[in-house]
N, C-alpha and C. Protein backbone atom coordinates (compact mmCIF):
# COMPACT_ATOMS: atom_id res chain seq x y z
N MET A 1 97.19 108.48 81.20
CA MET A 1 97.43 108.32 82.66
C MET A 1 97.84 106.85 82.82
N ASN A 2 98.97 106.75 83.49
CA ASN A 2 99.45 105.41 83.78
C ASN A 2 98.63 104.72 84.88
N SER A 3 98.49 103.39 84.70
CA SER A 3 97.83 102.60 85.75
C SER A 3 98.74 102.57 87.01
N THR A 4 98.21 102.58 88.16
CA THR A 4 98.72 102.46 89.44
C THR A 4 99.56 101.15 89.40
N LEU A 5 98.88 100.06 88.91
CA LEU A 5 99.58 98.77 88.76
C LEU A 5 100.78 98.74 88.04
N LEU A 6 101.06 99.54 87.11
CA LEU A 6 102.21 99.68 86.25
C LEU A 6 103.30 100.70 86.56
N SER A 7 102.97 101.40 87.70
CA SER A 7 103.70 102.54 88.01
C SER A 7 104.50 102.40 89.40
N ALA A 8 105.55 102.98 89.61
CA ALA A 8 106.10 103.08 91.10
C ALA A 8 105.20 103.82 92.00
N PRO A 9 105.08 103.44 93.18
CA PRO A 9 105.92 102.43 93.91
C PRO A 9 105.48 100.97 93.77
N LEU A 10 104.33 100.80 93.07
CA LEU A 10 103.62 99.45 93.26
C LEU A 10 104.35 98.42 92.27
N ALA A 11 104.63 98.75 91.01
CA ALA A 11 105.21 97.87 89.98
C ALA A 11 106.58 97.27 90.53
N PRO A 12 107.38 97.99 90.97
CA PRO A 12 108.70 97.46 91.50
C PRO A 12 108.60 96.69 92.74
N LEU A 13 107.60 97.11 93.59
CA LEU A 13 107.26 96.18 94.74
C LEU A 13 106.82 94.85 94.51
N LEU A 14 105.79 94.79 93.43
CA LEU A 14 105.23 93.52 93.07
C LEU A 14 106.46 92.67 92.57
N ASP A 15 107.22 93.18 91.69
CA ASP A 15 108.33 92.39 91.12
C ASP A 15 109.19 91.79 92.17
N ARG A 16 109.46 92.65 93.23
CA ARG A 16 110.36 92.08 94.33
C ARG A 16 109.60 91.05 95.11
N LEU A 17 108.34 91.23 95.44
CA LEU A 17 107.55 90.44 96.26
C LEU A 17 107.49 89.04 95.45
N PHE A 18 107.23 88.93 94.32
CA PHE A 18 107.11 87.73 93.47
C PHE A 18 108.45 86.96 93.38
N ARG A 19 109.52 87.82 93.36
CA ARG A 19 110.92 87.11 93.44
C ARG A 19 111.08 86.47 94.69
N GLN A 20 110.65 87.18 95.87
CA GLN A 20 110.88 86.56 97.23
C GLN A 20 110.07 85.36 97.30
N ALA A 21 108.80 85.49 96.74
CA ALA A 21 107.90 84.32 96.98
C ALA A 21 108.46 83.07 96.20
N ASP A 22 109.10 83.31 95.05
CA ASP A 22 109.61 82.16 94.24
C ASP A 22 110.83 81.58 94.93
N ALA A 23 111.60 82.34 95.74
CA ALA A 23 112.65 81.82 96.50
C ALA A 23 112.41 81.19 97.87
N ALA A 24 111.18 81.53 98.34
CA ALA A 24 110.93 81.16 99.70
C ALA A 24 110.66 79.60 99.77
N THR A 25 110.94 79.04 100.87
CA THR A 25 110.78 77.67 101.31
C THR A 25 109.99 77.53 102.57
N SER A 26 109.36 76.42 102.73
CA SER A 26 108.56 76.07 103.87
C SER A 26 108.93 74.72 104.49
N PRO A 27 109.81 74.63 105.38
CA PRO A 27 110.12 73.40 105.92
C PRO A 27 108.97 72.52 106.29
N ALA A 28 107.89 73.23 106.96
CA ALA A 28 106.71 72.49 107.43
C ALA A 28 106.00 71.86 106.19
N MET A 29 105.85 72.56 105.06
CA MET A 29 105.25 72.05 104.05
C MET A 29 106.00 70.95 103.27
N ALA A 30 107.38 71.05 103.31
CA ALA A 30 108.22 70.05 102.73
C ALA A 30 108.18 68.76 103.52
N ALA A 31 107.96 68.71 104.89
CA ALA A 31 107.86 67.66 105.67
C ALA A 31 106.51 66.97 105.65
N MET A 32 105.62 67.63 105.15
CA MET A 32 104.15 67.09 105.14
C MET A 32 103.84 66.26 103.77
N SER A 33 103.29 65.14 104.12
CA SER A 33 102.88 64.30 102.85
C SER A 33 101.69 64.97 102.15
N GLU A 34 101.61 64.57 100.88
CA GLU A 34 100.54 65.10 100.14
C GLU A 34 99.17 64.73 100.68
N GLU A 35 99.07 63.53 101.25
CA GLU A 35 97.81 63.04 101.77
C GLU A 35 97.35 63.82 102.99
N GLU A 36 98.45 64.11 103.84
CA GLU A 36 98.12 64.92 105.02
C GLU A 36 97.85 66.43 104.76
N ARG A 37 98.48 66.87 103.79
CA ARG A 37 98.26 68.29 103.25
C ARG A 37 96.84 68.41 102.79
N ASP A 38 96.46 67.53 102.00
CA ASP A 38 95.06 67.49 101.37
C ASP A 38 94.02 67.35 102.53
N ARG A 39 94.36 66.53 103.43
CA ARG A 39 93.39 66.23 104.60
C ARG A 39 93.14 67.52 105.41
N LEU A 40 94.25 68.24 105.65
CA LEU A 40 94.18 69.43 106.49
C LEU A 40 93.64 70.59 105.77
N LEU A 41 93.84 70.59 104.45
CA LEU A 41 93.31 71.71 103.69
C LEU A 41 91.81 71.66 103.52
N THR A 42 91.17 70.43 103.55
CA THR A 42 89.72 70.29 103.54
C THR A 42 89.00 70.17 104.91
N SER A 43 89.90 70.41 106.00
CA SER A 43 89.35 70.24 107.34
C SER A 43 88.73 71.47 107.95
N LYS A 44 87.52 71.46 108.46
CA LYS A 44 86.92 72.64 109.09
C LYS A 44 87.35 72.83 110.57
N THR A 45 88.05 71.89 111.07
CA THR A 45 88.49 72.01 112.54
C THR A 45 89.92 72.15 112.68
N GLU A 46 90.82 71.87 111.67
CA GLU A 46 92.26 72.00 111.94
C GLU A 46 92.94 73.02 111.02
N TYR A 47 92.13 73.80 110.42
CA TYR A 47 92.66 74.96 109.50
C TYR A 47 93.63 75.83 110.22
N LEU A 48 93.29 76.28 111.53
CA LEU A 48 94.11 77.15 112.28
C LEU A 48 95.43 76.56 112.55
N ASP A 49 95.52 75.34 112.82
CA ASP A 49 96.78 74.65 113.14
C ASP A 49 97.56 74.48 111.83
N LEU A 50 96.85 74.24 110.64
CA LEU A 50 97.61 74.13 109.46
C LEU A 50 98.36 75.36 109.04
N TYR A 51 97.48 76.48 109.05
CA TYR A 51 98.08 77.79 108.51
C TYR A 51 99.03 78.32 109.60
N SER A 52 98.97 77.91 110.82
CA SER A 52 99.94 78.40 111.75
C SER A 52 101.25 77.69 111.45
N GLN A 53 101.31 76.41 111.05
CA GLN A 53 102.44 75.69 110.66
C GLN A 53 103.10 76.24 109.44
N LEU A 54 102.13 76.86 108.52
CA LEU A 54 102.63 77.37 107.26
C LEU A 54 102.85 78.92 107.28
N LYS A 55 103.08 79.46 108.35
CA LYS A 55 103.13 80.83 108.53
C LYS A 55 104.26 81.48 107.70
N ASP A 56 105.19 80.67 107.41
CA ASP A 56 106.26 81.26 106.51
C ASP A 56 106.08 81.06 105.09
N LEU A 57 104.99 80.31 104.71
CA LEU A 57 104.68 80.09 103.42
C LEU A 57 103.92 81.25 102.73
N TRP A 58 104.47 81.69 101.55
CA TRP A 58 103.87 82.95 100.93
C TRP A 58 102.40 82.77 100.55
N LEU A 59 102.22 81.67 99.78
CA LEU A 59 100.79 81.53 99.37
C LEU A 59 100.17 82.73 98.60
N PRO A 60 100.93 83.36 97.66
CA PRO A 60 100.38 84.45 96.88
C PRO A 60 99.51 83.97 95.80
N VAL A 61 98.68 84.79 95.19
CA VAL A 61 98.11 84.60 93.97
C VAL A 61 99.20 84.75 92.83
N SER A 62 98.95 83.99 91.85
CA SER A 62 99.91 84.15 90.74
C SER A 62 99.79 85.63 90.14
N ARG A 63 100.78 86.05 89.34
CA ARG A 63 100.79 87.38 88.70
C ARG A 63 99.43 87.49 87.87
N GLU A 64 99.09 86.30 87.12
CA GLU A 64 98.13 86.37 86.18
C GLU A 64 96.72 86.38 86.93
N THR A 65 96.58 85.80 88.14
CA THR A 65 95.46 85.80 88.94
C THR A 65 95.34 87.36 89.41
N GLY A 66 96.41 87.79 89.85
CA GLY A 66 96.45 89.17 90.47
C GLY A 66 95.98 90.11 89.43
N GLU A 67 96.35 90.08 88.03
CA GLU A 67 96.02 90.94 87.07
C GLU A 67 94.59 90.76 86.60
N LEU A 68 94.09 89.44 86.82
CA LEU A 68 92.58 89.27 86.57
C LEU A 68 91.74 90.03 87.66
N LEU A 69 92.26 89.86 88.96
CA LEU A 69 91.48 90.60 90.04
C LEU A 69 91.42 92.13 89.63
N TYR A 70 92.56 92.66 89.29
CA TYR A 70 92.73 94.11 88.81
C TYR A 70 91.74 94.47 87.85
N MET A 71 91.64 93.68 86.81
CA MET A 71 90.82 93.89 85.60
C MET A 71 89.31 93.83 85.95
N LEU A 72 88.98 92.79 86.79
CA LEU A 72 87.49 92.56 87.09
C LEU A 72 87.17 93.82 88.02
N ALA A 73 87.95 94.25 88.92
CA ALA A 73 87.62 95.39 89.85
C ALA A 73 87.50 96.60 89.13
N ARG A 74 88.35 96.88 88.07
CA ARG A 74 88.42 97.97 87.16
C ARG A 74 87.19 98.06 86.33
N SER A 75 86.97 97.06 85.62
CA SER A 75 85.82 96.98 84.69
C SER A 75 84.54 97.17 85.29
N MET A 76 84.25 96.71 86.56
CA MET A 76 83.08 96.77 87.25
C MET A 76 83.01 98.11 88.05
N LYS A 77 83.97 98.87 88.06
CA LYS A 77 84.23 100.07 88.83
C LYS A 77 83.93 99.94 90.29
N ALA A 78 84.51 98.82 90.80
CA ALA A 78 84.23 98.40 92.17
C ALA A 78 84.76 99.51 93.07
N LYS A 79 84.03 99.56 94.20
CA LYS A 79 84.27 100.64 95.32
C LYS A 79 84.42 99.89 96.68
N THR A 80 83.84 98.64 96.77
CA THR A 80 83.99 97.93 98.06
C THR A 80 84.19 96.52 97.81
N ILE A 81 85.44 96.06 98.35
CA ILE A 81 85.84 94.65 98.21
C ILE A 81 86.12 93.95 99.54
N VAL A 82 85.72 92.71 99.61
CA VAL A 82 86.08 91.92 100.82
C VAL A 82 86.99 90.78 100.36
N GLU A 83 88.12 90.61 101.10
CA GLU A 83 89.04 89.51 100.71
C GLU A 83 89.18 88.67 101.89
N PHE A 84 89.12 87.30 101.68
CA PHE A 84 89.35 86.41 102.77
C PHE A 84 90.67 85.67 102.46
N GLY A 85 91.72 85.97 103.30
CA GLY A 85 92.95 85.38 103.08
C GLY A 85 93.94 86.45 102.62
N THR A 86 94.52 87.20 103.47
CA THR A 86 95.45 88.36 103.08
C THR A 86 96.81 87.66 102.81
N SER A 87 97.28 86.79 103.66
CA SER A 87 98.70 86.26 103.54
C SER A 87 99.64 87.57 103.65
N PHE A 88 100.62 87.71 102.76
CA PHE A 88 101.49 88.78 102.72
C PHE A 88 100.89 89.95 102.02
N GLY A 89 99.72 89.96 101.54
CA GLY A 89 99.12 91.18 100.83
C GLY A 89 99.38 91.25 99.43
N VAL A 90 99.82 90.23 98.62
CA VAL A 90 100.09 90.44 97.30
C VAL A 90 98.65 90.59 96.54
N SER A 91 97.75 89.85 96.76
CA SER A 91 96.43 90.04 95.96
C SER A 91 95.80 91.33 96.35
N THR A 92 95.98 91.72 97.63
CA THR A 92 95.43 92.91 98.07
C THR A 92 96.04 94.23 97.43
N LEU A 93 97.33 94.13 96.99
CA LEU A 93 97.92 95.15 96.36
C LEU A 93 97.29 95.30 94.80
N PHE A 94 96.96 94.25 94.22
CA PHE A 94 96.25 94.35 92.95
C PHE A 94 94.96 94.90 93.12
N LEU A 95 94.19 94.55 94.12
CA LEU A 95 92.85 95.03 94.36
C LEU A 95 92.95 96.53 94.77
N GLY A 96 93.94 96.96 95.55
CA GLY A 96 93.95 98.26 95.95
C GLY A 96 94.48 99.16 94.77
N ALA A 97 95.30 98.63 93.84
CA ALA A 97 95.55 99.48 92.60
C ALA A 97 94.26 99.76 91.87
N ALA A 98 93.46 98.74 91.73
CA ALA A 98 92.14 98.94 90.99
C ALA A 98 91.31 99.91 91.78
N LEU A 99 91.21 99.90 92.94
CA LEU A 99 90.41 101.01 93.71
C LEU A 99 90.98 102.34 93.44
N ARG A 100 92.28 102.43 93.61
CA ARG A 100 92.92 103.77 93.33
C ARG A 100 92.70 104.27 91.86
N ASP A 101 92.68 103.48 90.93
CA ASP A 101 92.53 103.84 89.58
C ASP A 101 90.88 104.00 89.23
N ASN A 102 89.97 103.47 90.16
CA ASN A 102 88.65 103.73 90.15
C ASN A 102 88.19 105.03 90.90
N GLY A 103 89.17 105.70 91.49
CA GLY A 103 88.88 106.86 92.15
C GLY A 103 88.63 106.77 93.68
N GLY A 104 88.93 105.52 94.26
CA GLY A 104 88.85 105.32 95.61
C GLY A 104 87.90 104.20 95.98
N GLY A 105 87.91 104.02 97.24
CA GLY A 105 86.98 102.79 97.74
C GLY A 105 87.56 102.18 99.01
N ARG A 106 87.16 101.00 99.31
CA ARG A 106 87.59 100.36 100.50
C ARG A 106 87.65 99.01 100.39
N ILE A 107 88.75 98.32 100.76
CA ILE A 107 88.99 96.82 100.86
C ILE A 107 89.04 96.42 102.31
N ILE A 108 88.29 95.48 102.69
CA ILE A 108 88.35 94.82 103.93
C ILE A 108 88.95 93.39 103.67
N THR A 109 90.10 93.24 104.38
CA THR A 109 90.90 91.95 104.11
C THR A 109 91.10 91.35 105.43
N THR A 110 91.08 90.06 105.60
CA THR A 110 91.37 89.38 106.90
C THR A 110 92.28 88.29 106.85
N GLU A 111 93.08 88.29 107.89
CA GLU A 111 94.22 87.19 108.01
C GLU A 111 94.49 86.89 109.44
N PHE A 112 94.48 85.60 109.70
CA PHE A 112 94.56 85.27 111.31
C PHE A 112 96.02 85.24 111.76
N GLU A 113 97.09 84.95 110.99
CA GLU A 113 98.46 84.88 111.38
C GLU A 113 99.08 86.25 111.63
N PRO A 114 99.41 86.54 112.93
CA PRO A 114 99.87 88.02 113.32
C PRO A 114 101.07 88.31 112.35
N SER A 115 102.08 87.47 112.13
CA SER A 115 103.22 87.75 111.47
C SER A 115 102.92 88.17 109.93
N LYS A 116 101.96 87.55 109.40
CA LYS A 116 101.60 87.81 108.05
C LYS A 116 100.77 89.19 107.98
N VAL A 117 100.05 89.51 108.96
CA VAL A 117 99.24 90.70 109.07
C VAL A 117 100.22 91.88 109.09
N ALA A 118 101.24 91.66 109.88
CA ALA A 118 102.38 92.86 110.03
C ALA A 118 103.02 92.97 108.69
N ARG A 119 103.44 91.99 108.04
CA ARG A 119 104.04 92.03 106.73
C ARG A 119 103.14 92.52 105.81
N ALA A 120 101.85 92.20 105.63
CA ALA A 120 100.92 92.65 104.76
C ALA A 120 100.81 94.27 104.83
N ARG A 121 100.60 94.64 106.07
CA ARG A 121 100.44 96.12 106.30
C ARG A 121 101.71 96.90 105.93
N GLN A 122 102.76 96.33 105.99
CA GLN A 122 104.02 96.95 105.62
C GLN A 122 104.09 97.11 104.08
N ASN A 123 103.71 96.00 103.45
CA ASN A 123 103.53 96.06 101.93
C ASN A 123 102.61 97.02 101.32
N ILE A 124 101.46 97.01 102.05
CA ILE A 124 100.31 97.93 101.65
C ILE A 124 100.74 99.36 101.75
N ALA A 125 101.41 99.65 102.79
CA ALA A 125 101.98 101.06 103.18
C ALA A 125 103.00 101.40 102.09
N GLU A 126 103.96 100.44 101.79
CA GLU A 126 105.00 100.84 100.79
C GLU A 126 104.32 101.04 99.43
N ALA A 127 103.22 100.42 99.13
CA ALA A 127 102.64 100.66 97.90
C ALA A 127 101.77 102.02 97.88
N GLY A 128 101.62 102.67 99.02
CA GLY A 128 100.84 103.85 99.14
C GLY A 128 99.41 103.62 99.03
N LEU A 129 98.99 102.40 99.55
CA LEU A 129 97.55 102.11 99.40
C LEU A 129 96.84 101.97 100.80
N SER A 130 97.58 102.27 101.86
CA SER A 130 96.94 102.08 103.25
C SER A 130 95.57 102.81 103.34
N ASP A 131 95.37 103.85 102.78
CA ASP A 131 94.15 104.67 102.98
C ASP A 131 93.00 103.97 102.40
N LEU A 132 93.10 102.90 101.63
CA LEU A 132 92.15 102.03 100.93
C LEU A 132 91.88 100.77 101.62
N VAL A 133 92.66 100.37 102.49
CA VAL A 133 92.62 98.93 102.96
C VAL A 133 92.57 98.87 104.53
N GLU A 134 91.61 98.08 104.97
CA GLU A 134 91.40 97.78 106.39
C GLU A 134 91.71 96.36 106.49
N VAL A 135 92.83 96.00 107.21
CA VAL A 135 93.25 94.71 107.48
C VAL A 135 92.69 94.27 108.93
N ARG A 136 91.90 93.12 108.92
CA ARG A 136 91.30 92.66 110.15
C ARG A 136 91.89 91.35 110.47
N GLU A 137 92.59 91.38 111.70
CA GLU A 137 93.37 90.30 112.24
C GLU A 137 92.54 89.35 112.97
N GLY A 138 92.55 88.07 112.69
CA GLY A 138 91.91 87.06 113.31
C GLY A 138 91.15 85.97 112.38
N ASP A 139 90.44 85.09 112.91
CA ASP A 139 89.65 84.13 112.22
C ASP A 139 88.63 84.80 111.52
N ALA A 140 88.49 84.50 110.10
CA ALA A 140 87.49 85.23 109.39
C ALA A 140 86.16 84.89 109.74
N LEU A 141 85.89 83.76 110.38
CA LEU A 141 84.53 83.49 110.79
C LEU A 141 84.08 84.47 111.96
N GLN A 142 84.93 85.16 112.54
CA GLN A 142 84.76 86.26 113.54
C GLN A 142 84.93 87.53 112.88
N THR A 143 85.95 87.72 112.25
CA THR A 143 86.34 88.99 111.75
C THR A 143 85.36 89.66 110.65
N LEU A 144 84.59 88.55 110.01
CA LEU A 144 83.62 89.01 108.86
C LEU A 144 82.19 88.63 109.33
N ALA A 145 81.97 88.43 110.62
CA ALA A 145 80.65 88.17 111.21
C ALA A 145 79.89 89.60 111.40
N SER A 146 80.59 90.50 111.33
CA SER A 146 79.77 91.80 111.69
C SER A 146 80.54 93.03 111.03
N ASP A 147 79.94 94.22 111.11
CA ASP A 147 80.49 95.47 110.62
C ASP A 147 81.01 95.26 109.06
N LEU A 148 80.12 94.78 108.26
CA LEU A 148 80.45 94.81 106.80
C LEU A 148 79.52 95.87 106.05
N PRO A 149 80.08 96.53 105.04
CA PRO A 149 79.23 97.45 104.34
C PRO A 149 78.15 96.74 103.54
N GLU A 150 77.24 97.60 103.19
CA GLU A 150 76.24 97.15 102.20
C GLU A 150 76.85 97.44 100.77
N GLY A 151 76.22 96.70 99.92
CA GLY A 151 76.64 96.86 98.42
C GLY A 151 78.09 96.47 98.14
N ILE A 152 78.47 95.27 98.58
CA ILE A 152 79.77 94.84 98.24
C ILE A 152 79.87 94.44 96.76
N ASP A 153 80.86 94.91 96.15
CA ASP A 153 81.03 94.66 94.68
C ASP A 153 81.73 93.38 94.31
N LEU A 154 82.79 92.95 95.12
CA LEU A 154 83.56 91.91 94.82
C LEU A 154 84.05 91.22 96.09
N LEU A 155 83.95 89.89 96.19
CA LEU A 155 84.36 89.05 97.26
C LEU A 155 85.49 88.09 96.72
N VAL A 156 86.58 88.16 97.32
CA VAL A 156 87.68 87.21 96.93
C VAL A 156 87.91 86.25 97.95
N LEU A 157 87.86 84.98 97.56
CA LEU A 157 88.11 83.79 98.52
C LEU A 157 89.39 83.23 98.22
N ASP A 158 90.39 83.34 99.26
CA ASP A 158 91.62 82.68 99.13
C ASP A 158 92.42 82.40 100.38
N GLY A 159 91.59 82.05 101.34
CA GLY A 159 92.03 81.70 102.66
C GLY A 159 91.90 80.14 102.82
N ALA A 160 91.55 79.70 104.05
CA ALA A 160 91.39 78.37 104.42
C ALA A 160 90.28 77.78 103.44
N LYS A 161 90.59 76.69 102.61
CA LYS A 161 89.73 76.26 101.54
C LYS A 161 88.49 75.72 102.14
N ALA A 162 88.54 75.04 103.34
CA ALA A 162 87.36 74.49 103.75
C ALA A 162 86.17 75.37 104.27
N LEU A 163 86.69 76.71 104.32
CA LEU A 163 85.76 77.78 104.94
C LEU A 163 85.09 78.49 103.77
N TYR A 164 85.28 78.31 102.55
CA TYR A 164 84.75 79.16 101.58
C TYR A 164 83.35 79.26 101.52
N GLU A 165 82.50 78.16 101.68
CA GLU A 165 81.10 78.15 101.87
C GLU A 165 80.63 79.04 103.09
N ASP A 166 81.37 78.85 104.23
CA ASP A 166 81.03 79.60 105.42
C ASP A 166 81.20 81.08 105.33
N VAL A 167 82.29 81.36 104.72
CA VAL A 167 82.62 82.84 104.55
C VAL A 167 81.62 83.45 103.59
N LEU A 168 81.25 82.77 102.55
CA LEU A 168 80.40 83.32 101.63
C LEU A 168 78.97 83.53 102.33
N ALA A 169 78.59 82.59 103.09
CA ALA A 169 77.35 82.71 103.90
C ALA A 169 77.42 84.02 104.74
N LEU A 170 78.57 84.30 105.32
CA LEU A 170 78.68 85.62 106.30
C LEU A 170 78.45 86.84 105.41
N VAL A 171 78.97 86.86 104.18
CA VAL A 171 78.97 87.97 103.43
C VAL A 171 77.87 88.13 102.37
N GLU A 172 77.20 87.05 102.15
CA GLU A 172 76.23 86.96 101.03
C GLU A 172 75.17 87.96 100.98
N ASP A 173 74.45 88.29 102.21
CA ASP A 173 73.54 89.22 102.18
C ASP A 173 73.87 90.72 101.96
N ARG A 174 75.27 90.95 101.97
CA ARG A 174 75.74 92.24 101.61
C ARG A 174 76.26 92.37 100.34
N LEU A 175 76.30 91.37 99.51
CA LEU A 175 76.61 91.38 98.06
C LEU A 175 75.44 92.08 97.27
N ARG A 176 75.92 93.01 96.47
CA ARG A 176 74.82 93.68 95.66
C ARG A 176 74.52 92.77 94.51
N PRO A 177 73.41 92.98 93.83
CA PRO A 177 73.09 92.12 92.68
C PRO A 177 74.17 92.49 91.59
N GLY A 178 74.64 91.56 90.95
CA GLY A 178 75.83 91.74 89.94
C GLY A 178 77.14 91.74 90.61
N ALA A 179 77.36 91.58 91.95
CA ALA A 179 78.55 91.41 92.49
C ALA A 179 79.31 90.03 92.03
N LEU A 180 80.65 90.07 92.08
CA LEU A 180 81.35 88.96 91.64
C LEU A 180 81.98 88.25 92.83
N VAL A 181 82.12 87.06 92.72
CA VAL A 181 82.84 86.26 93.79
C VAL A 181 83.94 85.37 93.02
N LEU A 182 85.11 85.61 93.39
CA LEU A 182 86.32 84.91 92.80
C LEU A 182 86.94 84.05 93.79
N ALA A 183 86.89 82.74 93.60
CA ALA A 183 87.45 81.79 94.62
C ALA A 183 88.69 81.16 93.92
N ASP A 184 89.79 81.08 94.62
CA ASP A 184 91.03 80.39 94.22
C ASP A 184 91.28 78.97 94.77
N ASP A 185 91.92 78.11 94.17
CA ASP A 185 92.10 76.80 94.68
C ASP A 185 90.88 76.14 95.01
N VAL A 186 89.79 76.13 94.25
CA VAL A 186 88.57 75.65 94.54
C VAL A 186 88.55 74.12 94.49
N ASP A 187 89.55 73.49 93.86
CA ASP A 187 89.63 72.05 93.88
C ASP A 187 89.55 71.42 95.39
N PHE A 188 89.90 72.27 96.42
CA PHE A 188 89.96 71.78 97.72
C PHE A 188 88.56 72.31 98.40
N SER A 189 87.63 72.79 97.63
CA SER A 189 86.34 73.29 98.24
C SER A 189 85.22 72.86 97.48
N PRO A 190 84.94 71.36 97.54
CA PRO A 190 83.88 70.81 96.76
C PRO A 190 82.56 71.34 97.19
N GLU A 191 82.35 71.55 98.50
CA GLU A 191 80.99 71.90 98.97
C GLU A 191 80.76 73.25 98.45
N TYR A 192 81.74 74.27 98.41
CA TYR A 192 81.60 75.55 97.95
C TYR A 192 81.15 75.53 96.45
N LEU A 193 81.82 74.66 95.64
CA LEU A 193 81.47 74.64 94.20
C LEU A 193 80.03 74.05 94.05
N LYS A 194 79.77 72.99 94.84
CA LYS A 194 78.36 72.43 94.62
C LYS A 194 77.32 73.63 95.02
N HIS A 195 77.59 74.40 95.92
CA HIS A 195 76.61 75.58 96.27
C HIS A 195 76.50 76.50 95.18
N VAL A 196 77.58 77.18 94.79
CA VAL A 196 77.46 78.24 93.76
C VAL A 196 77.11 77.61 92.37
N ARG A 197 77.26 76.40 92.09
CA ARG A 197 76.86 75.91 90.85
C ARG A 197 75.41 75.34 90.88
N SER A 198 74.82 75.26 92.01
CA SER A 198 73.58 74.57 92.16
C SER A 198 72.40 75.64 91.45
N GLN A 199 71.65 74.94 90.76
CA GLN A 199 70.42 75.69 90.12
C GLN A 199 69.66 76.50 91.04
N THR A 200 69.70 75.99 92.43
CA THR A 200 68.85 76.77 93.29
C THR A 200 69.54 77.86 93.92
N ALA A 201 70.83 77.99 93.74
CA ALA A 201 71.57 79.03 94.31
C ALA A 201 71.34 80.46 93.52
N SER A 202 71.59 81.53 94.06
CA SER A 202 71.53 82.88 93.39
C SER A 202 72.70 83.30 92.74
N TYR A 203 73.45 82.36 92.01
CA TYR A 203 74.71 82.66 91.17
C TYR A 203 74.69 82.01 89.85
N LEU A 204 75.42 82.71 88.89
CA LEU A 204 75.92 81.97 87.79
C LEU A 204 77.35 81.83 87.96
N SER A 205 77.82 80.71 87.79
CA SER A 205 79.13 80.24 88.15
C SER A 205 79.88 79.53 87.05
N THR A 206 81.13 79.82 86.92
CA THR A 206 81.93 79.10 85.77
C THR A 206 83.40 79.08 86.33
N PRO A 207 84.19 78.13 85.89
CA PRO A 207 85.66 78.01 86.09
C PRO A 207 86.11 79.00 84.99
N VAL A 208 87.24 79.77 85.27
CA VAL A 208 87.78 80.73 84.34
C VAL A 208 89.26 80.45 84.26
N ALA A 209 89.80 79.67 84.99
CA ALA A 209 91.35 79.18 84.92
C ALA A 209 91.42 77.92 85.81
N GLU A 210 92.53 77.23 85.72
CA GLU A 210 92.69 76.17 86.57
C GLU A 210 92.60 76.44 88.07
N GLY A 211 91.69 75.87 88.79
CA GLY A 211 91.51 76.13 90.14
C GLY A 211 90.87 77.35 90.53
N ILE A 212 90.24 78.21 89.52
CA ILE A 212 89.61 79.41 89.89
C ILE A 212 88.16 79.40 89.30
N GLU A 213 87.28 79.72 90.15
CA GLU A 213 85.90 79.83 90.02
C GLU A 213 85.46 81.26 90.07
N LEU A 214 84.69 81.73 89.02
CA LEU A 214 84.12 83.05 89.07
C LEU A 214 82.64 82.96 89.03
N SER A 215 81.99 83.59 89.91
CA SER A 215 80.51 83.58 90.22
C SER A 215 79.89 85.00 90.24
N ILE A 216 78.74 85.21 89.64
CA ILE A 216 78.12 86.41 89.71
C ILE A 216 76.79 86.30 90.57
N ARG A 217 76.59 87.33 91.51
CA ARG A 217 75.39 87.24 92.28
C ARG A 217 74.12 87.71 91.49
N LEU A 218 73.10 86.92 91.35
CA LEU A 218 72.11 87.28 90.39
C LEU A 218 71.02 88.08 91.07
N GLY A 219 70.88 87.95 92.35
CA GLY A 219 69.58 88.64 92.93
C GLY A 219 69.85 88.77 94.49
């Protein structure tokens, strides 16, 4: 049996989306100094303004990170996944493929930029994964503050970097023992890293690639 990830309609869709992402440009990002970008990425008060400016920027996971998400979700037989930071839905497609090949489940993914929500939903529908995915539109500090399922298997953090610790706090008591948390671009989230690597935290945590931290919920 072929993997959903390697079959139509998803495989050619991902090929097309990665080509489009590679070709895309962001005038707002190009005009921003590295110092200003780094300041805004680590701000807990200006993140909405930053990502509004970058609404045309794709910000997808790499293909390698997407495949890692797929493999993690498959190997742990995940049924319930929460994702912070949908963007255009590329990472969601990898996660949705894993759930399809696991026999079903539910992804709750959240994105505050309306144009990205619309595009993500279009991509998810084209991949034939809409029945597995709930896209919540709005600030994750609100969209993930209630109505979360028990026993979450996997949490993916790839939205506003300054909010990783806050989003984890919202979801934490719904993570089952043995749940995994994958955080991308953690170099911009020092407080989050300090938390999950602390000996007093309920996690075992390690970097698995440049800028990617993988943690397991111990209890």
